[in-house]
Amino acid sequence: MKVNVKDDSSEYQATETGDVSDDLEKTVAKVLTERGMTIAAAESCTGGLISKRLTDVPGASKFFAGGIVAYSPSAKTATLDVDPALIKEKAPSAARLRSQWLMAPV
């Protein structure tokens, strides 16, 4: 996985290959902290791995607001307010699920 974050004044890059690299979460932490921003995670199939990796970075409370693992359909509808009709589809579009999750209250 390769992540590039760019704005007018700076560029950050992290590349993840092989088993596990901590470059990605350290880069995310650096960018968010420098910009005074925070992030929250709504996870399903990752089972909380994204939240775990972000909170492994020292000082994560400065940039990580929290996370929710909503694995079952009932958790997705109750916690993340995902439309039940979307979950009933045999293969709901990941993009459509993401758009619903991005609107979820955290």
Protein backbone atom coordinates (compact mmCIF):
# COMPACT_ATOMS: atom_id res chain seq x y z
CA MET A 1 0.00 0.00 0.00
CA LYS A 2 1.30 3.45 -0.83
CA VAL A 3 -0.13 6.62 0.64
CA ASN A 4 0.67 10.12 -0.51
CA VAL A 5 -0.57 13.20 1.31
CA LYS A 6 0.08 16.51 -0.38
CA ASP A 7 -0.85 20.11 0.12
CA ASP A 8 0.61 23.41 -1.06
CA SER A 9 3.40 23.45 1.52
CA SER A 10 4.44 19.85 2.11
CA GLU A 11 4.41 16.28 0.90
CA TYR A 12 4.46 13.09 2.94
CA GLN A 13 4.84 9.59 1.61
CA ALA A 14 4.65 6.18 3.24
CA THR A 15 4.99 2.85 1.53
CA GLU A 16 3.93 -0.41 3.08
CA THR A 17 5.23 -3.69 1.72
CA GLY A 18 5.79 -7.16 3.09
CA ASP A 19 4.40 -8.14 6.47
CA VAL A 20 3.86 -5.04 8.57
CA SER A 21 5.38 -1.59 8.39
CA ASP A 22 4.80 1.22 10.85
CA ASP A 23 5.65 3.92 8.31
CA LEU A 24 2.01 4.35 7.33
CA GLU A 25 0.59 5.00 10.79
CA LYS A 26 3.55 7.21 11.75
CA THR A 27 3.00 9.29 8.61
CA VAL A 28 -0.72 9.59 9.31
CA ALA A 29 0.07 10.61 12.91
CA LYS A 30 2.59 13.22 11.79
CA VAL A 31 0.31 14.77 9.19
CA LEU A 32 -2.72 14.91 11.49
CA THR A 33 -0.75 16.28 14.44
CA GLU A 34 0.97 18.96 12.35
CA ARG A 35 -2.38 20.07 10.94
CA GLY A 36 -4.21 19.93 14.28
CA MET A 37 -6.62 17.35 12.89
CA THR A 38 -8.08 14.16 14.30
CA ILE A 39 -9.32 10.91 12.82
CA ALA A 40 -11.91 8.33 13.86
CA ALA A 41 -12.40 4.84 12.43
CA ALA A 42 -15.53 2.89 11.57
CA GLU A 43 -14.36 -0.66 10.85
CA SER A 44 -15.97 -3.94 9.90
CA CYS A 45 -13.87 -6.58 8.13
CA THR A 46 -10.66 -5.13 9.56
CA GLY A 47 -11.93 -5.99 13.05
CA GLY A 48 -10.30 -2.97 14.67
CA LEU A 49 -6.87 -3.39 13.08
CA ILE A 50 -6.77 0.18 11.77
CA SER A 51 -7.58 1.56 15.23
CA LYS A 52 -5.00 -0.73 16.80
CA ARG A 53 -2.25 0.35 14.43
CA LEU A 54 -3.01 4.05 14.91
CA THR A 55 -3.08 3.74 18.70
CA ASP A 56 0.27 1.94 18.65
CA VAL A 57 1.84 5.30 17.75
CA PRO A 58 2.99 7.14 20.89
CA GLY A 59 0.78 10.16 21.61
CA ALA A 60 -2.14 8.78 19.59
CA SER A 61 -4.66 10.57 21.78
CA LYS A 62 -3.57 13.82 20.09
CA PHE A 63 -4.88 12.69 16.70
CA PHE A 64 -7.08 9.59 17.23
CA ALA A 65 -10.60 10.33 18.47
CA GLY A 66 -11.77 6.72 18.64
CA GLY A 67 -13.05 3.78 16.68
CA ILE A 68 -16.03 1.51 16.26
CA VAL A 69 -15.98 -2.09 15.06
CA ALA A 70 -19.41 -2.86 13.62
CA TYR A 71 -19.18 -6.38 12.26
CA SER A 72 -22.71 -7.78 12.36
CA PRO A 73 -25.51 -6.32 10.25
CA SER A 74 -27.37 -5.22 13.38
CA ALA A 75 -24.29 -3.41 14.68
CA LYS A 76 -23.88 -1.64 11.34
CA THR A 77 -27.47 -0.40 11.34
CA ALA A 78 -27.64 0.49 15.05
CA THR A 79 -24.19 1.98 15.53
CA LEU A 80 -23.31 3.40 12.12
CA ASP A 81 -26.83 4.09 10.83
CA VAL A 82 -26.21 2.05 7.67
CA ASP A 83 -29.36 1.52 5.61
CA PRO A 84 -30.60 -2.07 6.25
CA ALA A 85 -31.55 -2.39 2.56
CA LEU A 86 -27.92 -1.81 1.62
CA ILE A 87 -26.78 -4.60 3.95
CA LYS A 88 -29.35 -7.03 2.51
CA GLU A 89 -27.76 -6.75 -0.95
CA LYS A 90 -25.68 -9.84 -1.72
CA ALA A 91 -22.60 -7.74 -2.46
CA PRO A 92 -23.14 -4.12 -1.42
CA SER A 93 -20.80 -1.68 -3.04
CA ALA A 94 -17.92 -0.83 -0.72
CA ALA A 95 -18.10 2.76 -1.94
CA ARG A 96 -21.78 3.00 -0.97
CA LEU A 97 -21.07 1.55 2.47
CA ARG A 98 -18.17 3.95 2.98
CA SER A 99 -20.35 6.92 2.10
CA GLN A 100 -22.90 5.82 4.70
CA TRP A 101 -20.19 5.28 7.32
CA LEU A 102 -18.63 8.68 6.65
CA MET A 103 -21.93 10.26 7.64
CA ALA A 104 -22.23 8.24 10.86
CA PRO A 105 -22.03 10.18 14.11
CA VAL A 106 -18.83 9.50 16.05
